[in-house]
Amino acid sequence: MSQDDETIRIYDARATDYASMVAKPRPDAEVLGFLADLPPNASILDLGCGPGTSASHFARAGHAVDAMDASAQMVALAGQHKGVTAWQGTFDQMPTGCHYHGVWANFSLLHASRAELPRYLMQIHDMLHPAGIFHIGMKLGEGTHRDRLGRLYTYFSEDALSAMLTTAGFTITARTHGNEPGLSGEPADWICLRAHA
């Protein structure tokens, strides 16, 4: 089961707060790097799109953007962005087949279980056209636990996450590290990886 009901309840309740926290009038370095690797008029899936901040940047760059999230309130916000097609769904309801030039999973798959993540990565690989681009953002650490708000997270080391991407068929091309507080106010080490299928 890819959905933790308490985590989704919290995202529904705090959707507006979360949208304010991640609002960015201009694309950040991660978005720009992802866009630079895409062909013109690309098809993109924003997996775990939240309020659609990144999806809106992709759409403004001229790409066809699908966005999905398990939170109904997040989907409602994402769907307000011009050029973004948003729907509600869990990781188990991801599209199947080769559809996309890029898949963007920015701090969403950290809510998947340790046992399920390898399967999801393989499915994402299968969704991508040859040489398609995948972005994943995750918190670094060990184990599984809830934050101060009650959201459930699964933590991975950089080596473990890199190995899972390689096993799924990806070639990692870029890495970014950082540390900052999220919605709960707790600082956390994180990593973003960009890879080619």
Protein backbone atom coordinates (compact mmCIF):
# COMPACT_ATOMS: atom_id res chain seq x y z
CA MET A 1 0.00 0.00 0.00
CA SER A 2 1.61 3.26 -1.11
CA GLN A 3 -0.56 5.63 0.89
CA ASP A 4 -0.35 6.48 4.58
CA ASP A 5 -3.74 7.96 5.46
CA GLU A 6 -2.39 10.19 8.24
CA THR A 7 0.23 11.70 5.94
CA ILE A 8 -2.41 12.48 3.31
CA ARG A 9 -4.73 13.96 5.94
CA ILE A 10 -1.98 16.32 7.04
CA TYR A 11 -1.22 17.41 3.48
CA ASP A 12 -4.92 18.06 2.89
CA ALA A 13 -5.15 20.12 6.07
CA ARG A 14 -1.95 22.09 5.42
CA ALA A 15 -2.10 22.42 1.63
CA THR A 16 -2.28 26.23 1.65
CA ASP A 17 0.59 26.51 4.15
CA TYR A 18 2.68 24.13 2.08
CA ALA A 19 1.92 26.06 -1.11
CA SER A 20 3.11 29.28 0.53
CA MET A 21 6.29 27.59 1.74
CA VAL A 22 7.31 26.23 -1.68
CA ALA A 23 6.10 29.16 -3.80
CA LYS A 24 8.86 30.28 -6.17
CA PRO A 25 8.22 32.98 -8.78
CA ARG A 26 11.26 31.77 -10.74
CA PRO A 27 12.53 28.24 -11.40
CA ASP A 28 15.28 27.12 -9.03
CA ALA A 29 18.51 25.41 -10.08
CA GLU A 30 16.99 21.91 -9.90
CA VAL A 31 14.08 22.85 -12.17
CA LEU A 32 16.40 24.62 -14.61
CA GLY A 33 18.75 21.62 -14.76
CA PHE A 34 15.84 19.27 -15.42
CA LEU A 35 14.44 21.56 -18.14
CA ALA A 36 17.84 21.84 -19.81
CA ASP A 37 17.94 18.07 -20.36
CA LEU A 38 14.50 17.87 -21.99
CA PRO A 39 13.68 18.12 -25.70
CA PRO A 40 11.32 20.88 -26.89
CA ASN A 41 7.63 20.26 -26.29
CA ALA A 42 8.35 17.42 -23.89
CA SER A 43 5.79 15.41 -21.95
CA ILE A 44 6.38 15.51 -18.18
CA LEU A 45 4.86 13.77 -15.17
CA ASP A 46 5.14 15.61 -11.85
CA LEU A 47 4.78 12.67 -9.45
CA GLY A 48 3.61 13.84 -6.03
CA CYS A 49 3.11 17.33 -7.43
CA GLY A 50 1.99 19.06 -4.24
CA PRO A 51 0.49 22.46 -5.09
CA GLY A 52 2.00 22.37 -8.58
CA THR A 53 4.83 24.87 -8.16
CA SER A 54 7.30 22.93 -10.31
CA ALA A 55 4.60 21.78 -12.73
CA SER A 56 3.72 25.41 -13.42
CA HIS A 57 7.33 26.18 -14.34
CA PHE A 58 7.40 23.21 -16.72
CA ALA A 59 4.16 24.34 -18.38
CA ARG A 60 5.41 27.91 -18.78
CA ALA A 61 8.49 26.49 -20.52
CA GLY A 62 6.19 25.05 -23.19
CA HIS A 63 5.94 21.44 -22.08
CA ALA A 64 2.88 19.19 -21.69
CA VAL A 65 2.53 18.56 -17.95
CA ASP A 66 0.62 15.87 -16.07
CA ALA A 67 0.59 16.18 -12.29
CA MET A 68 -0.59 13.65 -9.73
CA ASP A 69 -0.76 13.61 -5.96
CA ALA A 70 -2.52 11.55 -3.30
CA SER A 71 -3.84 14.70 -1.59
CA ALA A 72 -7.10 16.03 -3.01
CA GLN A 73 -6.33 19.54 -1.75
CA MET A 74 -2.91 19.56 -3.40
CA VAL A 75 -4.44 18.38 -6.68
CA ALA A 76 -6.99 21.20 -6.48
CA LEU A 77 -4.17 23.75 -6.14
CA ALA A 78 -2.02 22.17 -8.87
CA GLY A 79 -4.95 22.12 -11.28
CA GLN A 80 -5.25 25.90 -11.06
CA HIS A 81 -1.98 26.37 -12.97
CA LYS A 82 -2.39 27.00 -16.67
CA GLY A 83 -1.21 24.10 -18.80
CA VAL A 84 -1.16 21.58 -15.94
CA THR A 85 -3.44 18.52 -16.02
CA ALA A 86 -3.76 17.33 -12.42
CA TRP A 87 -5.40 14.27 -10.91
CA GLN A 88 -5.50 12.44 -7.60
CA GLY A 89 -3.69 9.12 -7.29
CA THR A 90 -1.22 7.12 -5.22
CA PHE A 91 2.10 5.70 -6.35
CA ASP A 92 0.31 2.42 -7.01
CA GLN A 93 -1.84 4.28 -9.54
CA MET A 94 1.00 5.68 -11.65
CA PRO A 95 0.51 5.50 -15.42
CA THR A 96 1.91 2.43 -17.14
CA GLY A 97 3.71 2.26 -20.46
CA CYS A 98 6.11 4.64 -22.18
CA HIS A 99 4.58 8.11 -22.00
CA TYR A 100 7.01 10.75 -20.80
CA HIS A 101 10.24 12.51 -21.68
CA GLY A 102 10.66 13.46 -18.02
CA VAL A 103 9.42 12.39 -14.59
CA TRP A 104 9.83 14.80 -11.67
CA ALA A 105 9.51 13.29 -8.17
CA ASN A 106 10.63 16.10 -5.87
CA PHE A 107 10.40 14.97 -2.23
CA SER A 108 7.39 12.77 -2.87
CA LEU A 109 8.80 9.24 -3.03
CA LEU A 110 10.18 9.70 0.50
CA HIS A 111 6.63 8.75 1.53
CA ALA A 112 6.92 5.36 -0.20
CA SER A 113 7.90 2.35 1.87
CA ARG A 114 11.40 0.89 1.72
CA ALA A 115 10.02 -2.34 0.27
CA GLU A 116 8.01 -0.60 -2.48
CA LEU A 117 10.47 2.05 -3.68
CA PRO A 118 12.54 -0.26 -5.95
CA ARG A 119 9.36 -1.32 -7.77
CA TYR A 120 8.25 2.29 -8.21
CA LEU A 121 11.66 3.26 -9.63
CA MET A 122 11.46 0.45 -12.18
CA GLN A 123 7.95 1.54 -13.16
CA ILE A 124 9.14 5.13 -13.59
CA HIS A 125 11.97 3.89 -15.80
CA ASP A 126 9.42 2.06 -17.94
CA MET A 127 7.30 5.23 -18.22
CA LEU A 128 10.15 7.17 -19.79
CA HIS A 129 11.08 7.38 -23.45
CA PRO A 130 14.66 6.20 -24.21
CA ALA A 131 17.13 8.63 -22.60
CA GLY A 132 14.25 10.23 -20.67
CA ILE A 133 15.06 12.32 -17.60
CA PHE A 134 14.22 11.48 -13.99
CA HIS A 135 14.57 13.82 -11.02
CA ILE A 136 14.21 12.53 -7.47
CA GLY A 137 14.53 14.49 -4.23
CA MET A 138 14.80 12.58 -0.94
CA LYS A 139 15.74 13.18 2.69
CA LEU A 140 18.93 11.44 3.78
CA GLY A 141 19.10 9.20 6.81
CA GLU A 142 18.14 5.79 8.11
CA GLY A 143 14.90 4.12 9.11
CA THR A 144 11.27 5.19 8.94
CA HIS A 145 9.56 7.65 11.27
CA ARG A 146 7.02 10.44 11.51
CA ASP A 147 7.90 14.12 11.70
CA ARG A 148 6.46 16.59 14.22
CA LEU A 149 3.32 16.97 12.11
CA GLY A 150 2.78 13.21 11.86
CA ARG A 151 3.87 12.67 8.24
CA LEU A 152 5.52 9.29 7.64
CA TYR A 153 8.95 9.34 5.97
CA THR A 154 11.33 6.64 4.76
CA TYR A 155 14.99 7.67 4.84
CA PHE A 156 17.83 6.35 2.67
CA SER A 157 21.57 6.83 2.50
CA GLU A 158 23.01 8.34 -0.68
CA ASP A 159 24.71 5.06 -1.53
CA ALA A 160 21.53 3.01 -1.08
CA LEU A 161 19.44 5.41 -3.15
CA SER A 162 22.06 5.55 -5.91
CA ALA A 163 22.24 1.76 -6.03
CA MET A 164 18.46 1.48 -6.36
CA LEU A 165 18.42 3.91 -9.30
CA THR A 166 21.22 2.00 -11.01
CA THR A 167 19.42 -1.31 -10.47
CA ALA A 168 16.26 0.21 -11.99
CA GLY A 169 18.22 1.06 -15.15
CA PHE A 170 19.09 4.73 -14.55
CA THR A 171 22.40 6.50 -15.11
CA ILE A 172 22.89 9.30 -12.57
CA THR A 173 24.11 12.53 -14.15
CA ALA A 174 23.79 15.16 -11.40
CA ARG A 175 23.70 15.34 -7.59
CA THR A 176 22.78 18.22 -5.29
CA HIS A 177 22.91 18.20 -1.47
CA GLY A 178 21.37 20.55 1.05
CA ASN A 179 19.91 20.99 4.51
CA GLU A 180 16.85 23.04 5.38
CA PRO A 181 13.66 22.87 7.43
CA GLY A 182 10.44 21.76 5.80
CA LEU A 183 6.84 22.37 6.78
CA SER A 184 7.42 20.83 10.21
CA GLY A 185 10.30 23.20 10.95
CA GLU A 186 12.77 20.34 11.42
CA PRO A 187 16.05 20.77 9.50
CA ALA A 188 16.92 17.74 7.37
CA ASP A 189 19.75 16.70 5.07
CA TRP A 190 18.52 16.04 1.54
CA ILE A 191 19.72 14.98 -1.88
CA CYS A 192 18.43 15.54 -5.39
CA LEU A 193 19.53 13.18 -8.16
CA ARG A 194 18.99 13.64 -11.89
CA ALA A 195 19.31 10.56 -14.07
CA HIS A 196 18.79 9.32 -17.63
CA ALA A 197 16.77 6.22 -18.42
